[in-house]
Structures are given as structure tokens and as C-alpha cells.
């Protein structure tokens, strides 16, 4: 049911942008790995990372690993072209281990709490391994703006869960151009431009990499000669390339009889041996998940 969740506010914000805003593509892509303390505490794979892409007309100006700035098109003050500069979008990524749902965590990470809320809502964050889409994770976003009429600055925060009591938090801030006396790209009012770019940035956030295996499905086929099934994570997204072992109950313990890896859809097929009680065990980054026991073999 997570896939049906559409971010209506994002669509509305993009439609409201003035002509000249580029939506497709991105100038820079940032990839931020989960901090080691959080990753190790929650037994997450080392290759897991958060990916965010700048709006198409922005490019990286600076980056310090988990924070940076994208620089965009030129803006000028109406009637005073000598007062000019370049639009900017600051970003940062952190990993919050407090208790709470995505909404409470997103709001707890707002910096401009004295500003007024522009919009908020649920957002489906894509989850992928490379170019292979696995599914989406339901998060929450909040956008804030100053109370002063004509102030063009915006702050946007999105939070989505990675594990129990662990959420990724991505924050964007558009501070330049500062007010509506400025025009971007020769035609866009500053506040409309900044709102649109923050929305585009929020919509670019993606989780890359496998999450730990949570559920292992297993059943026998070909008259018990083989065992097949699927491995998924806590969000029911497929786990790709995970090591799987078929184990047979023997003398009060378990003996491995065959092994393999999940494919690009999270499925596996293993060969059984003699008739008996079997289970499938999946291991990844120190985390182990096991299927229910089944009867298989021949």
C-alpha cells in the first residue's frame, strides 16, 4: 500500500514554478553513507547510503561529507541589476536515533522553529540497489518559511525510517535570493523559485543499498528436490545478492547442504538432499534471518 502514496504538495509546487525551472535531471548527486556508530548499533550493511540530487540548474559548490551547498542560476534585484548573485541551496544529512515516527523526527530537526509552516505531508522515498528499484519507504516532510511578507527563504526537512529508532534526516535550506525584490533567471519571483527548488530537492532523496534481511520465505518443489523462496527486509523490499544456505536438521543441530545467493528480485533456489527437515538461513553484515522449517529432500 506504500506505493500509492503520492506527494500532492510536491506536484503542486512544481506546477507553480515559473517558466525556466528545470525539473528533470540533476546537476550534482550526493551519496552519504550512514555514520558508523548508527550503522553498527543497528547492524546495517556498510554499503547502505542516502542519495540526493540537486535541481537541474544547480551544481555542487562545496561539500564536507554530510553537508554542502549547491549553487544555482543568477538572480538580480528588480530595477537594480547591479545587486545580483547566484541562488543557493544548502543541504545536510544526519541519522537520528530518537524514538518517534517520521513526522515527529522531521519536526524535531527543524532549525527555524520561529518560521511558519508552508506545507507538510507524507512522502514515499524510493529504495534501490544500483538501478534496480526495490520499493519505497514512507517518510514525512515539512517546509517552513518566514512570517514576513515577501521573504523568499525556505527550509525543508524530510525524515524516513531505516530501523527501529533510527531515521535518516535530510535538511534543505534556500536562503538566496533572500526576498521577492529579486528575480531568478530573468522571470521567476524569488519565493516561488526557492519553494520549487526545495520541493525538487526533497523529491530527489533516495535510499541506496540493501537493508538487513527480515523475512525468509521457503517452500519445496520438484517433489522435494529443490527449495526456493524470497528474502525481504523490514519494509518487504527484496534483498539482493544475499548469501543463503539450505540447512538440514541432523543430530539436534543443523548441517549446511547447499548454498547460493538471492537474485535481482530477491529470489533463490537451492538443492536439497535426503528427505528430512530443512530451513533456509540468510546472513548479511552480521545479521541472520531464518525461514520456518519445511519438509524437503528425496
Protein backbone atom coordinates (compact mmCIF):
# COMPACT_ATOMS: atom_id res chain seq x y z
CA UNK A 1 0.00 0.00 0.00
CA UNK A 2 3.02 2.27 0.38
CA UNK A 3 3.35 2.79 -3.37
CA UNK A 4 0.04 4.62 -3.72
CA UNK A 5 1.18 7.45 -1.50
CA UNK A 6 1.57 10.50 -3.77
CA UNK A 7 3.12 13.72 -2.61
CA UNK A 8 0.43 16.09 -3.88
CA UNK A 9 2.17 19.13 -2.46
CA UNK A 10 5.31 18.32 -4.44
CA UNK A 11 3.38 18.13 -7.67
CA UNK A 12 1.55 21.36 -6.89
CA UNK A 13 4.79 23.13 -6.05
CA UNK A 14 6.44 22.07 -9.28
CA UNK A 15 3.48 23.18 -11.38
CA UNK A 16 3.57 26.56 -9.67
CA UNK A 17 7.17 27.24 -10.71
CA UNK A 18 7.72 29.94 -13.26
CA UNK A 19 8.81 29.12 -16.80
CA UNK A 20 12.51 28.35 -16.91
CA UNK A 21 12.61 25.95 -13.96
CA UNK A 22 14.12 22.63 -14.97
CA UNK A 23 12.62 19.61 -13.24
CA UNK A 24 14.17 16.62 -15.00
CA UNK A 25 17.77 15.64 -14.43
CA UNK A 26 20.19 16.84 -11.82
CA UNK A 27 23.39 18.86 -11.74
CA UNK A 28 25.03 17.05 -8.79
CA UNK A 29 24.38 13.83 -6.92
CA UNK A 30 25.45 13.42 -3.30
CA UNK A 31 25.92 9.98 -1.69
CA UNK A 32 26.19 9.93 2.09
CA UNK A 33 26.97 6.74 3.98
CA UNK A 34 25.27 6.05 7.28
CA UNK A 35 27.53 7.08 10.16
CA UNK A 36 29.45 4.14 11.63
CA UNK A 37 28.06 4.43 15.19
CA UNK A 38 24.46 4.32 13.95
CA UNK A 39 25.18 1.65 11.34
CA UNK A 40 26.98 -0.64 13.78
CA UNK A 41 24.40 -0.16 16.54
CA UNK A 42 21.64 -1.25 14.16
CA UNK A 43 23.66 -3.90 12.28
CA UNK A 44 23.18 -2.25 8.90
CA UNK A 45 25.23 -3.20 5.82
CA UNK A 46 28.27 -0.96 5.18
CA UNK A 47 27.19 -0.15 1.62
CA UNK A 48 23.90 1.46 2.64
CA UNK A 49 23.71 5.18 1.80
CA UNK A 50 21.39 8.12 1.28
CA UNK A 51 21.41 9.70 -2.16
CA UNK A 52 20.17 13.18 -3.03
CA UNK A 53 20.26 15.06 -6.30
CA UNK A 54 20.38 18.79 -6.88
CA UNK A 55 17.78 20.51 -9.07
CA UNK A 56 18.82 20.52 -12.72
CA UNK A 57 20.13 24.09 -12.77
CA UNK A 58 22.24 23.68 -9.59
CA UNK A 59 25.74 22.27 -9.15
CA UNK A 60 27.94 21.45 -6.19
CA UNK A 61 29.80 24.43 -4.77
CA UNK A 62 31.06 22.75 -1.60
CA UNK A 63 30.73 19.53 0.37
CA UNK A 64 32.07 18.37 3.74
CA UNK A 65 30.82 14.79 3.60
CA UNK A 66 27.42 15.06 5.30
CA UNK A 67 26.64 18.67 4.35
CA UNK A 68 27.19 21.01 1.45
CA UNK A 69 25.91 23.73 -0.84
CA UNK A 70 24.58 23.70 -4.39
CA UNK A 71 24.84 26.87 -6.46
CA UNK A 72 22.13 27.73 -8.98
CA UNK A 73 21.28 30.38 -11.59
CA UNK A 74 21.83 34.10 -11.37
CA UNK A 75 19.33 36.42 -9.70
CA UNK A 76 19.03 40.22 -9.91
CA UNK A 77 17.14 42.83 -7.93
CA UNK A 78 14.31 44.31 -9.97
CA UNK A 79 15.36 47.79 -11.16
CA UNK A 80 18.87 47.34 -9.73
CA UNK A 81 20.68 44.71 -11.83
CA UNK A 82 23.93 45.60 -10.07
CA UNK A 83 22.50 43.89 -6.95
CA UNK A 84 22.89 40.32 -8.09
CA UNK A 85 24.10 36.91 -7.04
CA UNK A 86 23.52 33.20 -7.51
CA UNK A 87 20.71 31.15 -6.00
CA UNK A 88 21.92 28.64 -3.42
CA UNK A 89 20.59 25.52 -1.73
CA UNK A 90 22.25 24.18 1.43
CA UNK A 91 21.81 20.52 2.36
CA UNK A 92 22.73 18.26 5.27
CA UNK A 93 22.19 14.60 6.17
CA UNK A 94 22.07 13.15 9.69
CA UNK A 95 20.86 9.96 11.36
CA UNK A 96 18.52 10.37 14.30
CA UNK A 97 18.27 7.57 16.88
CA UNK A 98 15.48 9.02 19.00
CA UNK A 99 12.12 7.29 19.38
CA UNK A 100 9.28 8.61 17.25
CA UNK A 101 7.60 8.41 13.87
CA UNK A 102 8.91 10.23 10.77
CA UNK A 103 6.63 13.22 11.40
CA UNK A 104 7.88 13.86 14.93
CA UNK A 105 11.51 13.31 13.92
CA UNK A 106 11.25 15.66 10.92
CA UNK A 107 9.72 18.40 13.06
CA UNK A 108 12.32 17.87 15.81
CA UNK A 109 15.08 18.58 13.26
CA UNK A 110 13.70 21.92 12.05
CA UNK A 111 16.07 24.78 12.78
CA UNK A 112 13.75 27.71 12.02
CA UNK A 113 11.06 26.90 14.55
CA UNK A 114 10.01 30.56 14.65
CA UNK A 115 9.05 30.43 10.96
CA UNK A 116 5.56 29.46 9.81
CA UNK A 117 4.70 26.14 8.19
CA UNK A 118 4.38 26.30 4.42
CA UNK A 119 3.34 22.68 3.88
CA UNK A 120 3.85 19.16 5.21
CA UNK A 121 2.84 15.58 4.47
CA UNK A 122 3.82 12.01 3.82
CA UNK A 123 6.34 11.19 1.13
CA UNK A 124 7.39 7.87 -0.41
CA UNK A 125 11.19 7.61 -0.55
CA UNK A 126 12.49 5.31 -3.33
CA UNK A 127 14.62 2.34 -2.23
CA UNK A 128 17.00 0.88 -4.80
CA UNK A 129 20.16 -1.14 -5.29
CA UNK A 130 22.02 0.50 -8.15
CA UNK A 131 19.49 0.97 -10.95
CA UNK A 132 17.20 -1.76 -9.59
CA UNK A 133 14.14 -0.28 -7.86
CA UNK A 134 13.11 -2.31 -4.80
CA UNK A 135 10.18 -0.32 -3.44
CA UNK A 136 9.52 2.76 -1.33
CA UNK A 137 9.77 3.74 2.33
CA UNK A 138 7.13 6.02 3.81
CA UNK A 139 8.59 9.18 5.36
CA UNK A 140 7.39 12.66 6.25
CA UNK A 141 8.42 16.14 5.10
CA UNK A 142 7.91 19.66 6.48
CA UNK A 143 8.54 23.01 4.79
CA UNK A 144 8.87 26.30 6.66
CA UNK A 145 9.09 29.94 5.60
CA UNK A 146 9.44 33.27 7.46
CA UNK A 147 6.31 35.08 8.60
CA UNK A 148 7.35 38.34 6.90
CA UNK A 149 5.55 39.01 3.61
CA UNK A 150 7.96 38.99 0.68
CA UNK A 151 10.66 36.97 2.47
CA UNK A 152 11.75 34.32 -0.02
CA UNK A 153 13.67 31.95 2.26
CA UNK A 154 12.58 28.33 2.80
CA UNK A 155 13.58 25.36 4.94
CA UNK A 156 12.63 21.76 4.15
CA UNK A 157 13.20 18.63 6.25
CA UNK A 158 12.43 15.02 5.40
CA UNK A 159 12.74 12.01 7.72
CA UNK A 160 12.26 8.31 6.93
CA UNK A 161 13.00 5.14 8.93
CA UNK A 162 15.93 2.78 8.41
CA UNK A 163 15.36 0.64 11.50
CA UNK A 164 13.60 0.81 14.86
CA UNK A 165 14.68 4.10 16.48
CA UNK A 166 16.86 5.07 13.51
CA UNK A 167 15.78 7.56 10.87
CA UNK A 168 17.56 9.35 8.07
CA UNK A 169 17.04 13.12 8.23
CA UNK A 170 17.78 15.34 5.24
CA UNK A 171 17.50 19.10 5.54
CA UNK A 172 17.48 21.71 2.77
CA UNK A 173 17.67 25.49 3.13
CA UNK A 174 17.20 28.09 0.39
CA UNK A 175 18.46 31.46 1.66
CA UNK A 176 19.41 33.19 -1.60
CA UNK A 177 17.76 35.07 -3.17
CA UNK A 178 16.54 36.43 0.17
CA UNK A 179 13.31 38.23 -0.79
CA UNK A 180 10.86 38.94 -3.57
CA UNK A 181 12.62 42.09 -4.75
CA UNK A 182 14.83 39.65 -6.68
CA UNK A 183 14.10 37.81 -9.92
CA UNK A 184 15.72 34.48 -10.85
CA UNK A 185 16.59 33.60 -14.44
CA UNK A 186 15.05 36.85 -15.59
CA UNK A 187 11.46 35.80 -14.87
CA UNK A 188 10.90 33.81 -11.65
CA UNK A 189 9.84 35.51 -8.41
CA UNK A 190 12.34 34.62 -5.68
CA UNK A 191 9.88 32.96 -3.25
CA UNK A 192 8.30 30.80 -5.99
CA UNK A 193 11.73 29.80 -7.18
CA UNK A 194 13.08 28.88 -3.75
CA UNK A 195 9.95 26.94 -2.78
CA UNK A 196 10.13 24.96 -6.01
CA UNK A 197 13.82 24.10 -5.66
CA UNK A 198 13.37 22.85 -2.08
CA UNK A 199 10.46 20.68 -3.24
CA UNK A 200 12.52 19.27 -6.10
CA UNK A 201 15.37 18.50 -3.70
CA UNK A 202 13.02 16.79 -1.21
CA UNK A 203 11.67 14.65 -4.02
CA UNK A 204 15.17 13.57 -5.07
CA UNK A 205 16.02 11.76 -1.83
CA UNK A 206 16.61 8.01 -2.24
CA UNK A 207 17.92 5.11 -0.16
CA UNK A 208 20.58 3.06 -1.95
CA UNK A 209 21.61 -0.46 -0.91
CA UNK A 210 20.21 -3.50 0.85
CA UNK A 211 18.67 -3.30 4.29
CA UNK A 212 19.18 -6.36 6.53
CA UNK A 213 17.08 -9.45 5.73
CA UNK A 214 13.99 -9.77 7.90
CA UNK A 215 11.71 -12.42 6.39
CA UNK A 216 12.83 -15.58 4.57
CA UNK A 217 10.14 -17.47 2.64
CA UNK A 218 10.86 -21.10 1.72
CA UNK A 219 8.99 -23.97 0.09
CA UNK A 220 9.97 -27.20 -1.64
CA UNK A 221 9.21 -28.06 -5.26
CA UNK A 222 10.18 -30.67 -7.88
CA UNK A 223 8.99 -33.35 -5.45
CA UNK A 224 11.23 -32.03 -2.73
CA UNK A 225 14.44 -31.95 -4.75
CA UNK A 226 14.73 -28.18 -4.57
CA UNK A 227 13.82 -25.37 -2.20
CA UNK A 228 13.03 -21.86 -3.35
CA UNK A 229 11.77 -18.63 -1.85
CA UNK A 230 12.34 -14.91 -1.41
CA UNK A 231 14.22 -12.76 1.09
CA UNK A 232 12.82 -9.34 2.06
CA UNK A 233 13.71 -6.61 4.55
CA UNK A 234 11.54 -4.99 7.24
CA UNK A 235 9.78 -2.90 4.57
CA UNK A 236 9.09 -6.03 2.46
CA UNK A 237 11.57 -4.87 -0.19
CA UNK A 238 13.71 -7.57 -1.83
CA UNK A 239 17.23 -8.22 -0.53
CA UNK A 240 19.58 -8.67 -3.48
CA UNK A 241 22.77 -10.77 -3.60
CA UNK A 242 22.36 -12.09 -0.05
CA UNK A 243 24.13 -15.33 0.91
CA UNK A 244 21.57 -18.09 1.54
CA UNK A 245 22.20 -21.57 2.95
CA UNK A 246 19.94 -24.62 2.97
CA UNK A 247 20.41 -26.46 6.25
CA UNK A 248 19.17 -29.93 7.26
CA UNK A 249 18.24 -30.93 10.78
CA UNK A 250 20.74 -33.52 11.97
CA UNK A 251 21.53 -34.87 15.45
CA UNK A 252 19.99 -31.96 17.30
CA UNK A 253 21.76 -29.37 15.12
CA UNK A 254 21.78 -28.06 11.57
CA UNK A 255 24.08 -29.05 8.71
CA UNK A 256 24.50 -26.98 5.56
CA UNK A 257 23.79 -28.97 2.42
CA UNK A 258 23.81 -26.25 -0.27
CA UNK A 259 24.31 -22.51 -0.65
CA UNK A 260 23.70 -19.70 -3.08
CA UNK A 261 22.67 -16.05 -3.36
CA UNK A 262 19.44 -14.19 -3.99
CA UNK A 263 18.94 -12.86 -7.50
CA UNK A 264 17.99 -9.39 -8.76
CA UNK A 265 14.43 -9.88 -7.45
CA UNK A 266 15.38 -11.37 -4.08
CA UNK A 267 14.58 -14.97 -5.05
CA UNK A 268 16.79 -18.02 -4.56
CA UNK A 269 16.76 -21.73 -5.48
CA UNK A 270 18.72 -24.39 -3.56
CA UNK A 271 19.11 -28.14 -3.99
CA UNK A 272 18.01 -30.47 -1.17
CA UNK A 273 19.42 -33.93 -0.46
CA UNK A 274 17.88 -36.72 1.53
CA UNK A 275 14.36 -36.43 2.85
CA UNK A 276 14.15 -34.54 6.12
CA UNK A 277 13.52 -31.25 7.89
CA UNK A 278 15.17 -28.20 6.35
CA UNK A 279 15.45 -24.47 6.89
CA UNK A 280 17.00 -21.58 4.93
CA UNK A 281 19.38 -19.19 6.67
CA UNK A 282 20.38 -15.78 5.30
CA UNK A 283 23.43 -13.89 6.54
CA UNK A 284 24.36 -10.29 5.77
CA UNK A 285 26.62 -7.83 7.57
CA UNK A 286 26.41 -9.72 10.86
CA UNK A 287 22.64 -10.08 10.68
CA UNK A 288 20.98 -13.51 10.37
CA UNK A 289 17.42 -14.40 9.38
CA UNK A 290 15.95 -17.90 9.18
CA UNK A 291 12.91 -19.36 7.45
CA UNK A 292 10.36 -21.64 9.04
CA UNK A 293 11.19 -25.34 8.87
CA UNK A 294 9.93 -27.31 5.86
CA UNK A 295 9.96 -30.93 4.69
CA UNK A 296 12.11 -31.45 1.60
CA UNK A 297 14.55 -33.88 0.02
CA UNK A 298 14.14 -37.10 -1.87
